């Protein structure tokens, strides 16, 4: 699917033609659409196909004045998905007249520009617009990292009382998301830092300030991802032991209850035998048996408490 937008005095508006200064948004294009774009702008076909590979690493390439900036961006998955967050590549193609973004699916970062969350961007200033996409990507990583930290804290609270593995699996899936984030952020940071000495982007002073902010946000997001990864790895091992301990406590309680129940059952079973027993003809034999059963349970309970079993 291909759609085009341009910034005017009224904000970002869709356009039908690919005019100069517009933003062409390409999502999961067909072969016919890719061929049309290649013919129109004279760009390498790999510039359009590489961002469609979910495992493509962050990098940039230059071909005959056309620039491809490929950056990894976070995406929040639906609630029913096992892994809550993944990362996908965004291809940003800078041509002489337009800027083109290529993605396999809709991504959260580009939706921010379409929904009006991002202010002061102009599709006609292609370099600044590309830097803003990278900057908003770093901010989106930070936002999702805070969400992951909040989710892990909630899981931690519930794990104290858990005796099943469901919450541990949720924690493990969060760890997977953090691994994706860490790998993508490291790749993004290496690619972004190359801008400073590659000179592929002719940045103004204002754009250079935006670039410096982007570098800082990327480093902060990478540090946060590393910290949260270490925390969750430690939590996983710790709470696996806690769950085992909780199960042991439950089993110990059930075993103790079984012992206390078996004592009066043993006494009642003895007097249920078809043999001659003491006091069997006594009218108070039943009360005596009940007293012995209760006394045996009381003694058993005292012993278990004294040995700190209960």
Protein backbone atom coordinates (compact mmCIF):
# COMPACT_ATOMS: atom_id res chain seq x y z
CA UNK A 1 0.00 0.00 0.00
CA UNK A 2 1.30 3.42 -0.96
CA UNK A 3 0.07 6.73 0.40
CA UNK A 4 1.52 10.23 0.11
CA UNK A 5 1.40 13.24 2.43
CA UNK A 6 2.78 16.76 2.42
CA UNK A 7 3.08 19.47 5.05
CA UNK A 8 1.12 22.66 4.38
CA UNK A 9 -0.07 25.61 6.43
CA UNK A 10 -3.00 23.44 7.49
CA UNK A 11 -0.72 20.64 8.69
CA UNK A 12 -0.08 17.23 7.20
CA UNK A 13 -2.52 16.44 4.40
CA UNK A 14 -2.76 13.48 1.98
CA UNK A 15 -2.01 14.07 -1.70
CA UNK A 16 -2.82 12.02 -4.76
CA UNK A 17 0.37 12.74 -6.71
CA UNK A 18 3.99 12.24 -5.74
CA UNK A 19 4.94 15.88 -5.81
CA UNK A 20 8.19 17.43 -4.65
CA UNK A 21 8.51 17.70 -0.89
CA UNK A 22 6.01 14.98 -0.09
CA UNK A 23 6.34 11.97 2.19
CA UNK A 24 5.58 8.66 0.47
CA UNK A 25 4.56 6.03 2.98
CA UNK A 26 4.95 2.48 1.68
CA UNK A 27 3.57 -0.44 3.73
CA UNK A 28 4.07 -4.06 2.59
CA UNK A 29 4.26 -3.15 -1.10
CA UNK A 30 3.57 -5.56 -3.92
CA UNK A 31 6.14 -6.30 -6.62
CA UNK A 32 4.21 -4.06 -8.99
CA UNK A 33 4.29 -1.15 -6.53
CA UNK A 34 8.01 -1.62 -5.94
CA UNK A 35 8.71 -1.64 -9.67
CA UNK A 36 6.67 1.56 -10.05
CA UNK A 37 8.65 3.32 -7.29
CA UNK A 38 12.00 2.13 -8.67
CA UNK A 39 11.12 3.39 -12.14
CA UNK A 40 9.80 6.70 -10.84
CA UNK A 41 12.69 7.64 -8.54
CA UNK A 42 15.58 5.61 -9.93
CA UNK A 43 16.34 3.96 -6.60
CA UNK A 44 17.92 0.56 -6.06
CA UNK A 45 15.28 -2.12 -5.68
CA UNK A 46 17.12 -3.33 -2.56
CA UNK A 47 16.24 -0.02 -0.89
CA UNK A 48 12.60 -1.18 -0.97
CA UNK A 49 13.05 -4.90 -0.34
CA UNK A 50 15.58 -4.81 2.53
CA UNK A 51 13.23 -3.05 5.00
CA UNK A 52 10.68 -5.83 4.41
CA UNK A 53 13.03 -8.35 6.05
CA UNK A 54 12.12 -8.52 9.75
CA UNK A 55 15.69 -9.53 10.66
CA UNK A 56 17.42 -6.74 8.73
CA UNK A 57 19.95 -4.83 10.84
CA UNK A 58 20.17 -1.06 11.15
CA UNK A 59 22.50 0.57 8.63
CA UNK A 60 22.66 3.20 5.87
CA UNK A 61 23.62 3.04 2.22
CA UNK A 62 24.19 5.60 -0.52
CA UNK A 63 23.56 5.11 -4.23
CA UNK A 64 23.76 7.89 -6.83
CA UNK A 65 22.65 10.55 -4.38
CA UNK A 66 19.85 8.44 -2.90
CA UNK A 67 20.26 7.52 0.77
CA UNK A 68 18.75 4.56 2.63
CA UNK A 69 18.59 4.81 6.42
CA UNK A 70 17.41 1.55 7.92
CA UNK A 71 16.54 1.73 11.61
CA UNK A 72 14.93 -0.76 13.98
CA UNK A 73 11.72 0.44 15.62
CA UNK A 74 9.66 -1.03 18.50
CA UNK A 75 6.14 -2.26 17.97
CA UNK A 76 3.55 -3.25 20.56
CA UNK A 77 1.85 -6.52 19.77
CA UNK A 78 -1.85 -7.31 20.44
CA UNK A 79 -2.75 -8.46 23.94
CA UNK A 80 -3.24 -12.06 22.86
CA UNK A 81 0.33 -12.27 21.54
CA UNK A 82 2.83 -14.22 23.64
CA UNK A 83 5.62 -11.67 23.28
CA UNK A 84 4.30 -8.18 24.10
CA UNK A 85 6.89 -6.14 22.17
CA UNK A 86 8.95 -6.77 19.05
CA UNK A 87 11.08 -4.66 16.75
CA UNK A 88 10.72 -4.13 13.02
CA UNK A 89 12.88 -2.29 10.46
CA UNK A 90 11.91 1.08 9.01
CA UNK A 91 13.48 2.04 5.72
CA UNK A 92 13.90 5.80 5.22
CA UNK A 93 14.83 6.66 1.64
CA UNK A 94 16.00 10.20 0.90
CA UNK A 95 15.84 11.13 -2.78
CA UNK A 96 16.47 14.47 -4.40
CA UNK A 97 12.83 15.56 -4.08
CA UNK A 98 10.90 13.29 -1.71
CA UNK A 99 11.29 11.15 1.40
CA UNK A 100 10.02 7.56 1.32
CA UNK A 101 9.42 5.25 4.28
CA UNK A 102 9.15 1.51 3.75
CA UNK A 103 7.81 -0.92 6.37
CA UNK A 104 6.46 -4.44 6.42
CA UNK A 105 3.49 -3.47 8.60
CA UNK A 106 2.14 -0.36 10.25
CA UNK A 107 4.59 0.82 12.91
CA UNK A 108 3.86 2.91 15.98
CA UNK A 109 6.49 5.57 15.29
CA UNK A 110 5.13 6.60 11.90
CA UNK A 111 1.59 6.59 13.29
CA UNK A 112 2.70 9.37 15.67
CA UNK A 113 3.34 11.68 12.70
CA UNK A 114 0.04 10.80 11.04
CA UNK A 115 -2.00 11.25 14.22
CA UNK A 116 -0.57 14.68 14.99
CA UNK A 117 1.37 13.70 18.11
CA UNK A 118 4.57 15.12 16.61
CA UNK A 119 4.69 18.83 16.03
CA UNK A 120 7.06 21.06 14.09
CA UNK A 121 7.93 18.60 11.35
CA UNK A 122 7.91 19.33 7.67
CA UNK A 123 8.03 16.72 4.93
CA UNK A 124 9.81 19.22 2.69
CA UNK A 125 12.87 19.34 4.98
CA UNK A 126 13.85 15.76 4.31
CA UNK A 127 16.97 15.55 6.48
CA UNK A 128 15.23 16.98 9.53
CA UNK A 129 12.21 14.76 8.96
CA UNK A 130 14.45 11.66 8.78
CA UNK A 131 16.22 12.68 12.00
CA UNK A 132 12.87 13.24 13.69
CA UNK A 133 11.77 9.72 12.77
CA UNK A 134 14.96 8.35 14.33
CA UNK A 135 14.51 10.58 17.39
CA UNK A 136 10.89 9.53 17.89
CA UNK A 137 11.99 5.91 17.53
CA UNK A 138 14.39 6.34 20.47
CA UNK A 139 11.62 7.98 22.53
CA UNK A 140 9.25 5.15 21.67
CA UNK A 141 11.85 2.65 22.93
CA UNK A 142 12.06 4.58 26.22
CA UNK A 143 8.29 4.61 26.57
CA UNK A 144 7.95 0.88 26.00
CA UNK A 145 10.86 0.16 28.33
CA UNK A 146 8.98 1.96 31.11
CA UNK A 147 5.90 -0.13 30.28
CA UNK A 148 7.98 -3.32 30.49
CA UNK A 149 9.39 -2.24 33.85
CA UNK A 150 5.87 -1.56 35.14
CA UNK A 151 4.66 -4.96 33.88
CA UNK A 152 7.59 -6.75 35.50
CA UNK A 153 6.88 -5.01 38.81
CA UNK A 154 3.27 -6.19 38.68
CA UNK A 155 4.40 -9.73 37.91
CA UNK A 156 6.86 -9.53 40.80
CA UNK A 157 4.07 -8.66 43.23
CA UNK A 158 1.98 -11.62 42.09
CA UNK A 159 4.88 -14.07 42.07
CA UNK A 160 5.28 -13.90 45.85
CA UNK A 161 2.08 -15.93 46.23
CA UNK A 162 2.30 -18.02 43.07
CA UNK A 163 2.76 -21.79 42.91
CA UNK A 164 2.44 -22.11 39.10
CA UNK A 165 4.70 -21.28 36.18
CA UNK A 166 2.32 -18.95 34.32
CA UNK A 167 3.80 -15.76 35.74
CA UNK A 168 7.31 -17.02 35.15
CA UNK A 169 6.41 -17.53 31.49
CA UNK A 170 5.11 -13.95 31.34
CA UNK A 171 8.40 -12.79 32.82
CA UNK A 172 10.29 -14.86 30.27
CA UNK A 173 8.33 -13.27 27.42
CA UNK A 174 9.19 -9.82 28.77
CA UNK A 175 12.81 -10.90 28.76
CA UNK A 176 12.47 -11.85 25.09
CA UNK A 177 11.15 -8.36 24.31
CA UNK A 178 14.10 -6.83 26.15
CA UNK A 179 16.53 -8.97 24.15
CA UNK A 180 14.91 -7.67 20.95
CA UNK A 181 15.14 -4.12 22.27
CA UNK A 182 18.77 -4.43 23.35
CA UNK A 183 19.87 -5.90 20.04
CA UNK A 184 17.97 -3.30 18.01
CA UNK A 185 19.13 -0.36 20.14
CA UNK A 186 22.73 -1.45 19.90
CA UNK A 187 22.40 -1.70 16.13
CA UNK A 188 20.66 1.69 15.96
CA UNK A 189 23.31 3.36 18.11
CA UNK A 190 26.15 2.09 15.95
CA UNK A 191 24.40 3.25 12.81
CA UNK A 192 23.48 6.67 14.22
CA UNK A 193 26.99 7.36 15.48
CA UNK A 194 28.35 6.83 11.98
CA UNK A 195 26.40 9.89 10.84
CA UNK A 196 28.87 12.14 12.66
CA UNK A 197 31.85 11.15 10.50
CA UNK A 198 30.27 9.79 7.31
CA UNK A 199 28.95 13.19 6.10
CA UNK A 200 26.10 11.54 4.21
CA UNK A 201 23.66 14.02 5.73
CA UNK A 202 24.25 17.71 5.20
CA UNK A 203 22.89 18.91 8.55
CA UNK A 204 22.25 22.48 9.61
CA UNK A 205 23.05 23.63 13.15
CA UNK A 206 19.46 23.00 14.25
CA UNK A 207 19.47 19.54 12.68
CA UNK A 208 22.81 18.77 14.31
CA UNK A 209 21.32 19.64 17.72
CA UNK A 210 18.46 17.23 16.99
CA UNK A 211 21.03 14.61 16.01
CA UNK A 212 22.88 15.05 19.32
CA UNK A 213 19.61 14.63 21.24
CA UNK A 214 18.88 11.49 19.25
CA UNK A 215 22.28 10.02 20.14
CA UNK A 216 21.70 10.74 23.84
CA UNK A 217 18.22 9.19 23.82
CA UNK A 218 19.52 6.09 22.04
CA UNK A 219 22.25 5.63 24.63
CA UNK A 220 19.80 6.13 27.48
CA UNK A 221 17.38 3.61 26.00
CA UNK A 222 20.19 1.08 25.53
CA UNK A 223 21.34 1.51 29.13
CA UNK A 224 17.79 1.11 30.42
CA UNK A 225 17.27 -2.01 28.31
CA UNK A 226 20.49 -3.55 29.67
CA UNK A 227 19.50 -2.75 33.26
CA UNK A 228 15.99 -4.14 32.91
CA UNK A 229 17.35 -7.26 31.21
CA UNK A 230 19.69 -7.91 34.12
CA UNK A 231 16.90 -7.32 36.63
CA UNK A 232 14.49 -9.71 34.91
CA UNK A 233 17.17 -12.38 34.55
CA UNK A 234 17.81 -12.17 38.29
CA UNK A 235 14.09 -12.14 39.06
CA UNK A 236 13.48 -15.23 36.94
CA UNK A 237 15.98 -17.33 38.88
CA UNK A 238 14.92 -15.96 42.24
CA UNK A 239 11.22 -16.46 41.75
CA UNK A 240 11.70 -19.92 40.30
CA UNK A 241 13.16 -20.82 43.69
CA UNK A 242 10.34 -18.98 45.47
CA UNK A 243 7.72 -20.95 43.54
CA UNK A 244 9.47 -24.19 44.48
CA UNK A 245 9.48 -23.09 48.11
CA UNK A 246 5.79 -22.20 47.93
CA UNK A 247 5.02 -25.63 46.54
CA UNK A 248 7.07 -27.23 49.31
CA UNK A 249 5.14 -25.25 51.92
CA UNK A 250 1.83 -26.40 50.47
CA UNK A 251 3.00 -30.02 50.33
CA UNK A 252 4.26 -29.83 53.92
CA UNK A 253 0.91 -28.47 55.06
CA UNK A 254 -1.01 -31.18 53.25
CA UNK A 255 1.29 -33.87 54.64
CA UNK A 256 0.81 -32.54 58.18
CA UNK A 257 -2.96 -32.51 57.76
CA UNK A 258 -2.80 -36.09 56.48
CA UNK A 259 -0.84 -37.16 59.55
CA UNK A 260 -3.28 -35.46 61.94
CA UNK A 261 -6.24 -37.10 60.20
CA UNK A 262 -4.60 -40.53 60.17
CA UNK A 263 -4.13 -40.67 63.97
CA UNK A 264 -7.85 -40.78 64.92
CA UNK A 265 -8.46 -43.00 61.91
CA UNK A 266 -5.87 -45.45 63.27
CA UNK A 267 -7.56 -45.59 66.69
CA UNK A 268 -11.03 -45.98 65.18
CA UNK A 269 -9.71 -48.76 62.92
CA UNK A 270 -8.31 -50.68 65.86
CA UNK A 271 -11.70 -50.69 67.62
CA UNK A 272 -13.34 -51.68 64.39
CA UNK A 273 -11.57 -55.05 64.34
CA UNK A 274 -13.55 -58.24 64.87
CA UNK A 275 -11.53 -59.34 67.92
CA UNK A 276 -11.84 -58.95 71.66
CA UNK A 277 -10.62 -55.49 72.75
CA UNK A 278 -10.36 -53.70 76.10
CA UNK A 279 -13.47 -51.79 77.23
CA UNK A 280 -15.51 -53.10 74.31
CA UNK A 281 -18.43 -53.89 76.64
CA UNK A 282 -18.20 -50.63 78.54
CA UNK A 283 -21.17 -48.25 77.87
CA UNK A 284 -18.74 -45.33 77.66
CA UNK A 285 -16.42 -47.04 75.19
CA UNK A 286 -17.43 -44.77 72.32
CA UNK A 287 -16.68 -41.64 74.35
CA UNK A 288 -13.36 -43.15 75.37
CA UNK A 289 -12.45 -43.84 71.76
CA UNK A 290 -13.40 -40.29 70.74
CA UNK A 291 -11.33 -38.90 73.60
CA UNK A 292 -8.33 -40.96 72.54
CA UNK A 293 -8.72 -39.87 68.92
CA UNK A 294 -8.88 -36.18 69.86
CA UNK A 295 -5.98 -36.58 72.26
CA UNK A 296 -3.86 -38.27 69.59
CA UNK A 297 -4.58 -35.45 67.13
CA UNK A 298 -3.77 -32.84 69.80
CA UNK A 299 -0.48 -34.56 70.65
CA UNK A 300 0.37 -34.82 66.95
CA UNK A 301 -0.43 -31.15 66.42
CA UNK A 302 1.73 -30.20 69.41
CA UNK A 303 4.65 -32.22 68.07
CA UNK A 304 4.37 -30.71 64.57
CA UNK A 305 4.23 -27.17 65.96
CA UNK A 306 7.12 -27.90 68.36
CA UNK A 307 9.23 -29.18 65.47
CA UNK A 308 8.17 -26.09 63.48
CA UNK A 309 6.62 -28.22 60.78
CA UNK A 310 3.47 -26.07 61.01
